Amino acid sequence: MPAARLPRDLIVALAILAFCVVAYAVTLGFAKAPAAVAQNVQPATFPRLVIGVIAVLSAGLAAMSFRIDSARKGPIRPMVWVTAAMMVAFVIAFDTLGFIAAMVLFAAGMPVLWGERRWRRLVPFAVLFPAAIYVVFVLGLGVHFDAGLLGIN
C-alpha cells in the first residue's frame, strides 16, 4: 500500500506558517520608537498585524486542505492578472493621489472590475469602506497618511 500523500494546500499552508513564525521572530528585534514619532503605533505593530492575518488565513487553508473537493478547474483566469495589476495601480495611486482619493477609486473600481453593476450598493461601499479605513487608522491608531500630489487627506 503506498504511503498517503499530504495535500498540496497543506504543504503550502505549513510553509506559509513557518514563514510567519520567522517573520514574527524578526519583529521581536525591532527597536521601540520614541513616543514623539511613534504615532501611537510602534514599528512592530503593523507587521505583526499583517503576519497574524496571514497566519490565520494559512491555518484556514491547512484545515480546508483535507476536504475532498472536485478537481482543479483549469489554469488561472486572466482576471487574476488584471486584479493584480489594479492592486499595483492602487499602490502607485496611493503615493501619487493620496490616501482618500486612491481608496475611493480602488473601492469603486475593483467591484466594477469583478462585475458588480448594482450602483445602489457600489456607491455607498466606495464611500463607506475608505471612510472606515480612515477612522480605524487615522483617528483610531493615529497613523498619518501623506496627502499625495492632490493634497487631499
N, C-alpha and C. Protein backbone atom coordinates (compact mmCIF):
# COMPACT_ATOMS: atom_id res chain seq x y z
N MET A 1 0.85 -1.18 0.00
CA MET A 1 0.00 0.00 0.00
C MET A 1 0.89 1.24 0.00
N PRO A 2 0.68 2.18 -0.94
CA PRO A 2 1.51 3.38 -0.99
C PRO A 2 1.23 4.29 0.20
N ALA A 3 2.25 5.02 0.57
CA ALA A 3 2.10 5.97 1.68
C ALA A 3 1.14 7.09 1.27
N ALA A 4 0.38 7.55 2.24
CA ALA A 4 -0.57 8.64 1.97
C ALA A 4 0.20 9.93 1.70
N ARG A 5 -0.23 10.63 0.68
CA ARG A 5 0.41 11.91 0.34
C ARG A 5 -0.31 13.04 1.04
N LEU A 6 0.46 14.01 1.46
CA LEU A 6 -0.14 15.20 2.07
C LEU A 6 -0.75 16.07 0.98
N PRO A 7 -1.89 16.67 1.27
CA PRO A 7 -2.48 17.58 0.27
C PRO A 7 -1.54 18.75 -0.01
N ARG A 8 -1.51 19.18 -1.26
CA ARG A 8 -0.64 20.30 -1.64
C ARG A 8 -0.94 21.56 -0.84
N ASP A 9 -2.23 21.83 -0.64
CA ASP A 9 -2.60 23.03 0.10
C ASP A 9 -2.08 22.99 1.53
N LEU A 10 -2.02 21.80 2.12
CA LEU A 10 -1.48 21.68 3.47
C LEU A 10 0.01 22.00 3.48
N ILE A 11 0.72 21.52 2.49
CA ILE A 11 2.17 21.80 2.41
C ILE A 11 2.40 23.29 2.24
N VAL A 12 1.62 23.92 1.37
CA VAL A 12 1.75 25.37 1.17
C VAL A 12 1.41 26.11 2.45
N ALA A 13 0.33 25.72 3.12
CA ALA A 13 -0.08 26.38 4.36
C ALA A 13 0.99 26.24 5.44
N LEU A 14 1.59 25.07 5.55
CA LEU A 14 2.64 24.87 6.56
C LEU A 14 3.87 25.71 6.24
N ALA A 15 4.20 25.83 4.96
CA ALA A 15 5.34 26.67 4.57
C ALA A 15 5.06 28.14 4.90
N ILE A 16 3.85 28.59 4.65
CA ILE A 16 3.49 29.97 4.96
C ILE A 16 3.50 30.19 6.47
N LEU A 17 2.98 29.24 7.23
CA LEU A 17 3.01 29.36 8.69
C LEU A 17 4.44 29.40 9.22
N ALA A 18 5.33 28.61 8.63
CA ALA A 18 6.74 28.66 9.04
C ALA A 18 7.33 30.03 8.74
N PHE A 19 6.99 30.59 7.58
CA PHE A 19 7.43 31.94 7.25
C PHE A 19 6.91 32.94 8.28
N CYS A 20 5.65 32.79 8.68
CA CYS A 20 5.06 33.69 9.67
C CYS A 20 5.81 33.63 11.00
N VAL A 21 6.20 32.44 11.41
CA VAL A 21 6.96 32.30 12.66
C VAL A 21 8.29 33.03 12.55
N VAL A 22 8.99 32.85 11.44
CA VAL A 22 10.28 33.52 11.24
C VAL A 22 10.08 35.04 11.16
N ALA A 23 9.07 35.48 10.42
CA ALA A 23 8.82 36.92 10.29
C ALA A 23 8.46 37.54 11.63
N TYR A 24 7.66 36.84 12.43
CA TYR A 24 7.31 37.36 13.76
C TYR A 24 8.55 37.45 14.64
N ALA A 25 9.41 36.44 14.54
CA ALA A 25 10.66 36.47 15.32
C ALA A 25 11.51 37.68 14.93
N VAL A 26 11.51 38.03 13.65
CA VAL A 26 12.26 39.21 13.20
C VAL A 26 11.69 40.47 13.85
N THR A 27 10.37 40.55 13.99
CA THR A 27 9.76 41.75 14.59
C THR A 27 10.11 41.91 16.06
N LEU A 28 10.52 40.84 16.70
CA LEU A 28 10.92 40.94 18.11
C LEU A 28 12.18 41.79 18.27
N GLY A 29 12.95 41.92 17.21
CA GLY A 29 14.17 42.71 17.26
C GLY A 29 13.98 44.16 16.86
N PHE A 30 12.75 44.56 16.51
CA PHE A 30 12.50 45.96 16.13
C PHE A 30 12.66 46.85 17.35
N ALA A 31 13.36 47.95 17.16
CA ALA A 31 13.54 48.90 18.25
C ALA A 31 12.24 49.66 18.51
N LYS A 32 12.04 50.06 19.75
CA LYS A 32 10.88 50.87 20.10
C LYS A 32 11.10 52.29 19.61
N ALA A 33 10.06 52.88 19.07
CA ALA A 33 10.15 54.27 18.61
C ALA A 33 9.81 55.21 19.76
N PRO A 34 10.45 56.36 19.81
CA PRO A 34 10.09 57.34 20.84
C PRO A 34 8.63 57.76 20.67
N ALA A 35 7.99 58.12 21.75
CA ALA A 35 6.57 58.48 21.72
C ALA A 35 6.29 59.62 20.76
N ALA A 36 7.23 60.52 20.58
CA ALA A 36 7.02 61.68 19.71
C ALA A 36 6.87 61.30 18.24
N VAL A 37 7.50 60.21 17.83
CA VAL A 37 7.43 59.81 16.42
C VAL A 37 6.65 58.52 16.19
N ALA A 38 6.22 57.86 17.25
CA ALA A 38 5.56 56.56 17.11
C ALA A 38 4.14 56.66 16.57
N GLN A 39 3.50 57.81 16.66
CA GLN A 39 2.12 57.98 16.22
C GLN A 39 1.20 56.93 16.86
N ASN A 40 1.44 56.62 18.11
CA ASN A 40 0.67 55.63 18.87
C ASN A 40 0.83 54.20 18.36
N VAL A 41 1.68 54.00 17.38
CA VAL A 41 1.90 52.66 16.82
C VAL A 41 3.40 52.42 16.76
N GLN A 42 3.84 51.36 17.40
CA GLN A 42 5.26 51.01 17.38
C GLN A 42 5.61 50.37 16.03
N PRO A 43 6.88 50.38 15.66
CA PRO A 43 7.28 49.83 14.35
C PRO A 43 6.87 48.37 14.13
N ALA A 44 6.78 47.59 15.19
CA ALA A 44 6.45 46.17 15.04
C ALA A 44 4.95 45.91 14.95
N THR A 45 4.12 46.89 15.27
CA THR A 45 2.68 46.67 15.36
C THR A 45 2.07 46.25 14.03
N PHE A 46 2.26 47.03 12.99
CA PHE A 46 1.64 46.72 11.71
C PHE A 46 2.17 45.42 11.11
N PRO A 47 3.50 45.19 11.09
CA PRO A 47 3.96 43.90 10.57
C PRO A 47 3.38 42.72 11.34
N ARG A 48 3.26 42.84 12.65
CA ARG A 48 2.68 41.74 13.43
C ARG A 48 1.21 41.54 13.10
N LEU A 49 0.50 42.62 12.86
CA LEU A 49 -0.90 42.52 12.47
C LEU A 49 -1.03 41.78 11.14
N VAL A 50 -0.22 42.16 10.17
CA VAL A 50 -0.25 41.50 8.85
C VAL A 50 0.15 40.03 8.98
N ILE A 51 1.20 39.76 9.76
CA ILE A 51 1.65 38.38 9.96
C ILE A 51 0.55 37.56 10.61
N GLY A 52 -0.15 38.14 11.58
CA GLY A 52 -1.25 37.44 12.24
C GLY A 52 -2.38 37.09 11.28
N VAL A 53 -2.74 38.04 10.42
CA VAL A 53 -3.80 37.78 9.44
C VAL A 53 -3.37 36.68 8.47
N ILE A 54 -2.13 36.75 8.00
CA ILE A 54 -1.61 35.72 7.09
C ILE A 54 -1.62 34.36 7.78
N ALA A 55 -1.23 34.31 9.05
CA ALA A 55 -1.19 33.04 9.78
C ALA A 55 -2.60 32.46 9.94
N VAL A 56 -3.57 33.30 10.26
CA VAL A 56 -4.95 32.82 10.41
C VAL A 56 -5.48 32.29 9.08
N LEU A 57 -5.23 33.02 8.00
CA LEU A 57 -5.68 32.55 6.68
C LEU A 57 -4.98 31.25 6.28
N SER A 58 -3.70 31.13 6.62
CA SER A 58 -2.95 29.90 6.31
C SER A 58 -3.48 28.73 7.13
N ALA A 59 -3.82 28.99 8.38
CA ALA A 59 -4.39 27.92 9.21
C ALA A 59 -5.73 27.47 8.62
N GLY A 60 -6.51 28.41 8.11
CA GLY A 60 -7.76 28.04 7.44
C GLY A 60 -7.51 27.21 6.20
N LEU A 61 -6.49 27.58 5.43
CA LEU A 61 -6.12 26.80 4.25
C LEU A 61 -5.71 25.39 4.64
N ALA A 62 -4.93 25.29 5.72
CA ALA A 62 -4.50 23.97 6.20
C ALA A 62 -5.70 23.12 6.60
N ALA A 63 -6.64 23.72 7.31
CA ALA A 63 -7.82 22.98 7.75
C ALA A 63 -8.67 22.53 6.56
N MET A 64 -8.80 23.38 5.56
CA MET A 64 -9.62 23.04 4.40
C MET A 64 -8.91 22.11 3.42
N SER A 65 -7.62 21.91 3.60
CA SER A 65 -6.88 21.09 2.64
C SER A 65 -7.28 19.62 2.69
N PHE A 66 -7.92 19.21 3.78
CA PHE A 66 -8.31 17.81 3.90
C PHE A 66 -9.70 17.55 3.32
N ARG A 67 -10.37 18.61 2.90
CA ARG A 67 -11.67 18.46 2.27
C ARG A 67 -11.53 17.70 0.96
N ILE A 68 -12.45 16.83 0.72
CA ILE A 68 -12.47 16.16 -0.58
C ILE A 68 -13.21 17.09 -1.52
N ASP A 69 -12.50 17.57 -2.50
CA ASP A 69 -13.02 18.61 -3.38
C ASP A 69 -12.97 18.12 -4.82
N SER A 70 -13.65 18.82 -5.68
CA SER A 70 -13.58 18.48 -7.09
C SER A 70 -12.19 18.83 -7.61
N ALA A 71 -11.87 18.27 -8.74
CA ALA A 71 -10.54 18.50 -9.33
C ALA A 71 -10.39 19.97 -9.70
N ARG A 72 -9.17 20.39 -9.87
CA ARG A 72 -8.90 21.78 -10.27
C ARG A 72 -9.61 22.06 -11.59
N LYS A 73 -10.11 23.26 -11.70
CA LYS A 73 -10.93 23.62 -12.86
C LYS A 73 -10.12 24.00 -14.09
N GLY A 74 -8.86 24.34 -13.93
CA GLY A 74 -8.07 24.73 -15.09
C GLY A 74 -7.07 25.80 -14.73
N PRO A 75 -6.50 26.43 -15.74
CA PRO A 75 -5.47 27.44 -15.49
C PRO A 75 -6.06 28.71 -14.86
N ILE A 76 -5.18 29.53 -14.36
CA ILE A 76 -5.59 30.80 -13.75
C ILE A 76 -6.18 31.70 -14.82
N ARG A 77 -7.32 32.28 -14.52
CA ARG A 77 -8.01 33.15 -15.48
C ARG A 77 -7.29 34.49 -15.60
N PRO A 78 -7.42 35.15 -16.72
CA PRO A 78 -6.78 36.46 -16.91
C PRO A 78 -7.23 37.51 -15.88
N MET A 79 -8.44 37.35 -15.33
CA MET A 79 -8.94 38.30 -14.34
C MET A 79 -8.01 38.39 -13.13
N VAL A 80 -7.34 37.30 -12.79
CA VAL A 80 -6.40 37.32 -11.67
C VAL A 80 -5.28 38.30 -11.95
N TRP A 81 -4.77 38.28 -13.17
CA TRP A 81 -3.67 39.18 -13.53
C TRP A 81 -4.14 40.63 -13.61
N VAL A 82 -5.37 40.82 -14.08
CA VAL A 82 -5.92 42.18 -14.14
C VAL A 82 -6.12 42.72 -12.72
N THR A 83 -6.58 41.87 -11.82
CA THR A 83 -6.75 42.26 -10.42
C THR A 83 -5.41 42.62 -9.80
N ALA A 84 -4.39 41.82 -10.06
CA ALA A 84 -3.05 42.12 -9.53
C ALA A 84 -2.54 43.45 -10.08
N ALA A 85 -2.78 43.71 -11.36
CA ALA A 85 -2.37 44.98 -11.95
C ALA A 85 -3.11 46.15 -11.30
N MET A 86 -4.37 45.94 -10.98
CA MET A 86 -5.14 47.01 -10.32
C MET A 86 -4.59 47.27 -8.92
N MET A 87 -4.14 46.24 -8.24
CA MET A 87 -3.55 46.43 -6.91
C MET A 87 -2.24 47.21 -7.00
N VAL A 88 -1.45 46.92 -8.01
CA VAL A 88 -0.21 47.69 -8.21
C VAL A 88 -0.55 49.14 -8.54
N ALA A 89 -1.56 49.34 -9.36
CA ALA A 89 -2.00 50.71 -9.69
C ALA A 89 -2.48 51.43 -8.43
N PHE A 90 -3.12 50.70 -7.52
CA PHE A 90 -3.56 51.31 -6.26
C PHE A 90 -2.38 51.79 -5.44
N VAL A 91 -1.33 50.99 -5.37
CA VAL A 91 -0.14 51.39 -4.61
C VAL A 91 0.46 52.66 -5.21
N ILE A 92 0.52 52.73 -6.53
CA ILE A 92 1.04 53.93 -7.19
C ILE A 92 0.11 55.12 -6.94
N ALA A 93 -1.20 54.89 -7.03
CA ALA A 93 -2.17 55.96 -6.80
C ALA A 93 -2.13 56.43 -5.35
N PHE A 94 -1.91 55.52 -4.43
CA PHE A 94 -1.83 55.86 -3.00
C PHE A 94 -0.73 56.88 -2.77
N ASP A 95 0.39 56.67 -3.41
CA ASP A 95 1.52 57.59 -3.26
C ASP A 95 1.30 58.88 -4.05
N THR A 96 0.69 58.76 -5.22
CA THR A 96 0.52 59.90 -6.10
C THR A 96 -0.69 60.76 -5.73
N LEU A 97 -1.84 60.14 -5.60
CA LEU A 97 -3.09 60.87 -5.36
C LEU A 97 -3.38 61.12 -3.90
N GLY A 98 -2.81 60.29 -3.03
CA GLY A 98 -3.11 60.39 -1.61
C GLY A 98 -4.06 59.28 -1.19
N PHE A 99 -4.19 59.13 0.12
CA PHE A 99 -4.95 58.03 0.71
C PHE A 99 -6.42 58.03 0.29
N ILE A 100 -7.10 59.14 0.52
CA ILE A 100 -8.55 59.16 0.31
C ILE A 100 -8.91 58.94 -1.15
N ALA A 101 -8.28 59.67 -2.05
CA ALA A 101 -8.60 59.53 -3.48
C ALA A 101 -8.30 58.12 -3.97
N ALA A 102 -7.15 57.57 -3.58
CA ALA A 102 -6.78 56.23 -4.02
C ALA A 102 -7.74 55.17 -3.48
N MET A 103 -8.13 55.30 -2.22
CA MET A 103 -9.04 54.32 -1.63
C MET A 103 -10.42 54.38 -2.27
N VAL A 104 -10.93 55.57 -2.53
CA VAL A 104 -12.25 55.70 -3.16
C VAL A 104 -12.21 55.11 -4.57
N LEU A 105 -11.16 55.43 -5.34
CA LEU A 105 -11.04 54.87 -6.69
C LEU A 105 -10.92 53.35 -6.66
N PHE A 106 -10.13 52.83 -5.72
CA PHE A 106 -9.95 51.39 -5.61
C PHE A 106 -11.25 50.70 -5.19
N ALA A 107 -11.92 51.27 -4.17
CA ALA A 107 -13.16 50.68 -3.67
C ALA A 107 -14.29 50.75 -4.70
N ALA A 108 -14.22 51.70 -5.61
CA ALA A 108 -15.22 51.78 -6.68
C ALA A 108 -14.81 50.93 -7.88
N GLY A 109 -13.53 50.93 -8.20
CA GLY A 109 -13.06 50.24 -9.40
C GLY A 109 -12.99 48.74 -9.30
N MET A 110 -12.55 48.23 -8.15
CA MET A 110 -12.39 46.78 -8.02
C MET A 110 -13.72 46.03 -8.15
N PRO A 111 -14.79 46.44 -7.46
CA PRO A 111 -16.06 45.73 -7.66
C PRO A 111 -16.57 45.81 -9.10
N VAL A 112 -16.38 46.95 -9.75
CA VAL A 112 -16.81 47.09 -11.15
C VAL A 112 -16.01 46.12 -12.01
N LEU A 113 -14.71 46.04 -11.77
CA LEU A 113 -13.86 45.10 -12.50
C LEU A 113 -14.35 43.67 -12.33
N TRP A 114 -14.81 43.34 -11.14
CA TRP A 114 -15.28 41.98 -10.86
C TRP A 114 -16.73 41.74 -11.28
N GLY A 115 -17.36 42.76 -11.88
CA GLY A 115 -18.69 42.54 -12.44
C GLY A 115 -19.84 43.14 -11.66
N GLU A 116 -19.58 43.86 -10.60
CA GLU A 116 -20.67 44.47 -9.83
C GLU A 116 -21.30 45.59 -10.65
N ARG A 117 -22.62 45.55 -10.76
CA ARG A 117 -23.33 46.57 -11.53
C ARG A 117 -24.44 47.23 -10.72
N ARG A 118 -24.62 46.84 -9.48
CA ARG A 118 -25.68 47.43 -8.65
C ARG A 118 -25.15 48.70 -8.00
N TRP A 119 -25.39 49.84 -8.63
CA TRP A 119 -24.83 51.12 -8.20
C TRP A 119 -25.31 51.53 -6.82
N ARG A 120 -26.50 51.09 -6.44
CA ARG A 120 -27.01 51.43 -5.10
C ARG A 120 -26.19 50.77 -4.00
N ARG A 121 -25.50 49.73 -4.31
CA ARG A 121 -24.60 49.10 -3.34
C ARG A 121 -23.16 49.56 -3.53
N LEU A 122 -22.80 49.79 -4.77
CA LEU A 122 -21.41 50.14 -5.08
C LEU A 122 -21.02 51.52 -4.55
N VAL A 123 -21.88 52.51 -4.76
CA VAL A 123 -21.55 53.87 -4.34
C VAL A 123 -21.38 53.97 -2.82
N PRO A 124 -22.32 53.44 -2.01
CA PRO A 124 -22.08 53.50 -0.56
C PRO A 124 -20.81 52.75 -0.14
N PHE A 125 -20.54 51.62 -0.78
CA PHE A 125 -19.32 50.88 -0.46
C PHE A 125 -18.09 51.70 -0.78
N ALA A 126 -18.08 52.35 -1.95
CA ALA A 126 -16.92 53.14 -2.38
C ALA A 126 -16.68 54.33 -1.46
N VAL A 127 -17.70 54.77 -0.75
CA VAL A 127 -17.54 55.89 0.19
C VAL A 127 -17.30 55.38 1.61
N LEU A 128 -18.09 54.41 2.05
CA LEU A 128 -18.04 53.96 3.45
C LEU A 128 -16.82 53.12 3.77
N PHE A 129 -16.37 52.28 2.84
CA PHE A 129 -15.18 51.46 3.12
C PHE A 129 -13.94 52.32 3.33
N PRO A 130 -13.63 53.27 2.43
CA PRO A 130 -12.48 54.14 2.70
C PRO A 130 -12.66 54.96 3.99
N ALA A 131 -13.90 55.38 4.26
CA ALA A 131 -14.16 56.13 5.50
C ALA A 131 -13.86 55.28 6.72
N ALA A 132 -14.25 54.00 6.68
CA ALA A 132 -13.99 53.10 7.80
C ALA A 132 -12.49 52.88 7.98
N ILE A 133 -11.77 52.70 6.89
CA ILE A 133 -10.31 52.54 6.97
C ILE A 133 -9.68 53.80 7.55
N TYR A 134 -10.16 54.96 7.12
CA TYR A 134 -9.65 56.24 7.63
C TYR A 134 -9.89 56.34 9.14
N VAL A 135 -11.09 56.01 9.57
CA VAL A 135 -11.41 56.10 11.00
C VAL A 135 -10.52 55.17 11.82
N VAL A 136 -10.35 53.94 11.36
CA VAL A 136 -9.54 52.98 12.11
C VAL A 136 -8.08 53.43 12.19
N PHE A 137 -7.50 53.76 11.05
CA PHE A 137 -6.06 54.05 11.04
C PHE A 137 -5.72 55.47 11.47
N VAL A 138 -6.42 56.46 10.95
CA VAL A 138 -6.06 57.85 11.24
C VAL A 138 -6.59 58.28 12.60
N LEU A 139 -7.87 58.05 12.84
CA LEU A 139 -8.45 58.50 14.10
C LEU A 139 -8.21 57.51 15.23
N GLY A 140 -8.33 56.21 14.94
CA GLY A 140 -8.16 55.20 15.98
C GLY A 140 -6.71 54.93 16.36
N LEU A 141 -5.88 54.71 15.37
CA LEU A 141 -4.48 54.36 15.63
C LEU A 141 -3.53 55.55 15.54
N GLY A 142 -4.01 56.67 15.07
CA GLY A 142 -3.17 57.86 14.98
C GLY A 142 -2.11 57.78 13.89
N VAL A 143 -2.37 57.01 12.84
CA VAL A 143 -1.42 56.88 11.74
C VAL A 143 -1.61 58.05 10.78
N HIS A 144 -0.53 58.62 10.32
CA HIS A 144 -0.59 59.74 9.37
C HIS A 144 -0.33 59.21 7.96
N PHE A 145 -1.21 59.56 7.04
CA PHE A 145 -1.02 59.22 5.63
C PHE A 145 -0.64 60.49 4.88
N ASP A 146 0.33 60.38 3.99
CA ASP A 146 0.71 61.53 3.17
C ASP A 146 -0.46 61.90 2.26
N ALA A 147 -0.58 63.19 2.00
CA ALA A 147 -1.71 63.68 1.21
C ALA A 147 -1.55 63.42 -0.28
N GLY A 148 -0.35 63.14 -0.76
CA GLY A 148 -0.15 62.92 -2.19
C GLY A 148 -0.11 64.22 -2.95
N LEU A 149 -0.06 64.13 -4.27
CA LEU A 149 0.04 65.32 -5.11
C LEU A 149 -1.20 66.20 -5.06
N LEU A 150 -2.36 65.59 -4.82
CA LEU A 150 -3.59 66.36 -4.79
C LEU A 150 -3.77 67.11 -3.48
N GLY A 151 -3.04 66.73 -2.46
CA GLY A 151 -3.14 67.39 -1.17
C GLY A 151 -4.40 67.04 -0.39
N ILE A 152 -5.08 65.97 -0.76
CA ILE A 152 -6.31 65.55 -0.06
C ILE A 152 -5.94 64.53 1.01
N ASN A 153 -6.31 64.82 2.24
CA ASN A 153 -6.08 63.85 3.31
C ASN A 153 -7.06 64.07 4.41
